[in-house]
Each structure stands twice: as C-alpha cells, then as structure tokens.
C-alpha atoms as a PDB file:
ATOM      1  CA  MET A   1      44.948  99.732 -54.328  1.00  0.00           C
ATOM      2  CA  ASP A   2      46.950 102.962 -54.300  1.00  0.00           C
ATOM      3  CA  MET A   3      50.742 102.180 -54.445  1.00  0.00           C
ATOM      4  CA  THR A   4      51.932 105.627 -55.357  1.00  0.00           C
ATOM      5  CA  ASP A   5      53.856 106.043 -52.328  1.00  0.00           C
ATOM      6  CA  ALA A   6      55.338 102.506 -52.371  1.00  0.00           C
ATOM      7  CA  ARG A   7      59.184 102.591 -51.902  1.00  0.00           C
ATOM      8  CA  TRP A   8      60.419  99.526 -53.674  1.00  0.00           C
ATOM      9  CA  ARG A   9      63.679  97.790 -52.744  1.00  0.00           C
ATOM     10  CA  THR A  10      65.206  94.579 -54.233  1.00  0.00           C
ATOM     11  CA  ALA A  11      65.034  91.821 -51.657  1.00  0.00           C
ATOM     12  CA  THR A  12      68.463  91.101 -49.944  1.00  0.00           C
ATOM     13  CA  ARG A  13      68.509  87.462 -51.163  1.00  0.00           C
ATOM     14  CA  SER A  14      67.472  88.328 -54.706  1.00  0.00           C
ATOM     15  CA  SER A  15      70.565  90.225 -55.676  1.00  0.00           C
ATOM     16  CA  ASN A  16      72.615  87.432 -57.206  1.00  0.00           C
ATOM     17  CA  ASN A  17      70.022  85.414 -59.098  1.00  0.00           C
ATOM     18  CA  GLY A  18      70.853  86.715 -62.462  1.00  0.00           C
ATOM     19  CA  GLY A  19      67.658  89.081 -62.722  1.00  0.00           C
ATOM     20  CA  ALA A  20      65.232  86.799 -61.042  1.00  0.00           C
ATOM     21  CA  CYS A  21      64.521  89.468 -58.230  1.00  0.00           C
ATOM     22  CA  VAL A  22      61.795  89.981 -55.964  1.00  0.00           C
ATOM     23  CA  GLU A  23      60.971  93.563 -54.825  1.00  0.00           C
ATOM     24  CA  VAL A  24      59.589  94.437 -51.469  1.00  0.00           C
ATOM     25  CA  ALA A  25      57.707  97.762 -50.326  1.00  0.00           C
ATOM     26  CA  ASP A  26      57.269  97.690 -46.527  1.00  0.00           C
ATOM     27  CA  ASN A  27      56.872 101.372 -46.153  1.00  0.00           C
ATOM     28  CA  LEU A  28      53.107 101.542 -46.293  1.00  0.00           C
ATOM     29  CA  PRO A  29      50.860 101.178 -43.136  1.00  0.00           C
ATOM     30  CA  GLY A  30      49.327  97.841 -42.429  1.00  0.00           C
ATOM     31  CA  ARG A  31      50.873  96.143 -45.592  1.00  0.00           C
ATOM     32  CA  VAL A  32      53.955  94.760 -47.327  1.00  0.00           C
ATOM     33  CA  LEU A  33      53.891  94.704 -51.056  1.00  0.00           C
ATOM     34  CA  VAL A  34      56.078  92.127 -53.045  1.00  0.00           C
ATOM     35  CA  ARG A  35      56.369  91.819 -56.902  1.00  0.00           C
ATOM     36  CA  ASP A  36      58.562  90.286 -59.640  1.00  0.00           C
ATOM     37  CA  SER A  37      61.180  92.923 -60.733  1.00  0.00           C
ATOM     38  CA  LYS A  38      61.094  91.370 -64.154  1.00  0.00           C
ATOM     39  CA  ASP A  39      57.318  91.971 -64.645  1.00  0.00           C
ATOM     40  CA  ARG A  40      56.433  94.962 -62.370  1.00  0.00           C
ATOM     41  CA  ASP A  41      52.932  95.141 -64.083  1.00  0.00           C
ATOM     42  CA  GLY A  42      52.341  91.462 -63.642  1.00  0.00           C
ATOM     43  CA  GLY A  43      50.720  91.627 -60.307  1.00  0.00           C
ATOM     44  CA  THR A  44      51.537  92.341 -56.791  1.00  0.00           C
ATOM     45  CA  LEU A  45      51.067  90.408 -53.523  1.00  0.00           C
ATOM     46  CA  THR A  46      50.084  91.976 -50.518  1.00  0.00           C
ATOM     47  CA  PHE A  47      50.556  90.611 -47.059  1.00  0.00           C
ATOM     48  CA  ALA A  48      49.882  91.849 -43.642  1.00  0.00           C
ATOM     49  CA  PRO A  49      53.033  92.755 -41.796  1.00  0.00           C
ATOM     50  CA  THR A  50      52.644  89.862 -39.305  1.00  0.00           C
ATOM     51  CA  ALA A  51      52.206  87.529 -42.228  1.00  0.00           C
ATOM     52  CA  TRP A  52      55.339  88.950 -44.310  1.00  0.00           C
ATOM     53  CA  THR A  53      57.468  88.487 -40.754  1.00  0.00           C
ATOM     54  CA  ALA A  54      56.295  84.866 -40.470  1.00  0.00           C
ATOM     55  CA  PHE A  55      57.002  84.157 -44.106  1.00  0.00           C
ATOM     56  CA  VAL A  56      60.427  85.470 -44.057  1.00  0.00           C
ATOM     57  CA  ARG A  57      61.138  83.653 -40.674  1.00  0.00           C
ATOM     58  CA  GLU A  58      60.188  80.501 -42.570  1.00  0.00           C
ATOM     59  CA  VAL A  59      62.266  81.157 -45.513  1.00  0.00           C
ATOM     60  CA  ARG A  60      65.324  81.833 -43.365  1.00  0.00           C
ATOM     61  CA  THR A  61      64.855  78.698 -41.275  1.00  0.00           C
ATOM     62  CA  PRO A  62      68.024  76.474 -41.997  1.00  0.00           C
ATOM     63  CA  GLY A  63      67.102  73.205 -43.845  1.00  0.00           C
ATOM     64  CA  ARG A  64      64.472  74.869 -46.005  1.00  0.00           C
END
C-alpha cells in the first residue's frame, strides 16, 4: 500500500498519555490509516471511512 502522501496527525485523545499515542492519516481517498507513534514501522491498520467513523463514535460513547 502506498502511504507516501499520508499526512499523519496525533489523535486528539492521545496527547496526554505519556507517549502512548495513536497517529491517524485521514487524507487518503477511501481509507483511514492508524498506527502507533512509538512503533511507526510496526504496522498500520486500515479502515474504510465509514468503519472509522463508527469506531470513533463507539469510543466516544459515555460509559465506555
């Protein structure tokens, strides 16, 4: 998978976790990429945009 044009950003909720950060690239057509900022070469998860939106919605649901 070509990730040359991916623009990585640190996920909003990861900023105060002492380096335990998740990075997200959501600028590529038809996919959202997620990786561990401490192990950038360790693998990348790929989500369809609708699946990523559903995941984020579930994580943000109070009581979880």
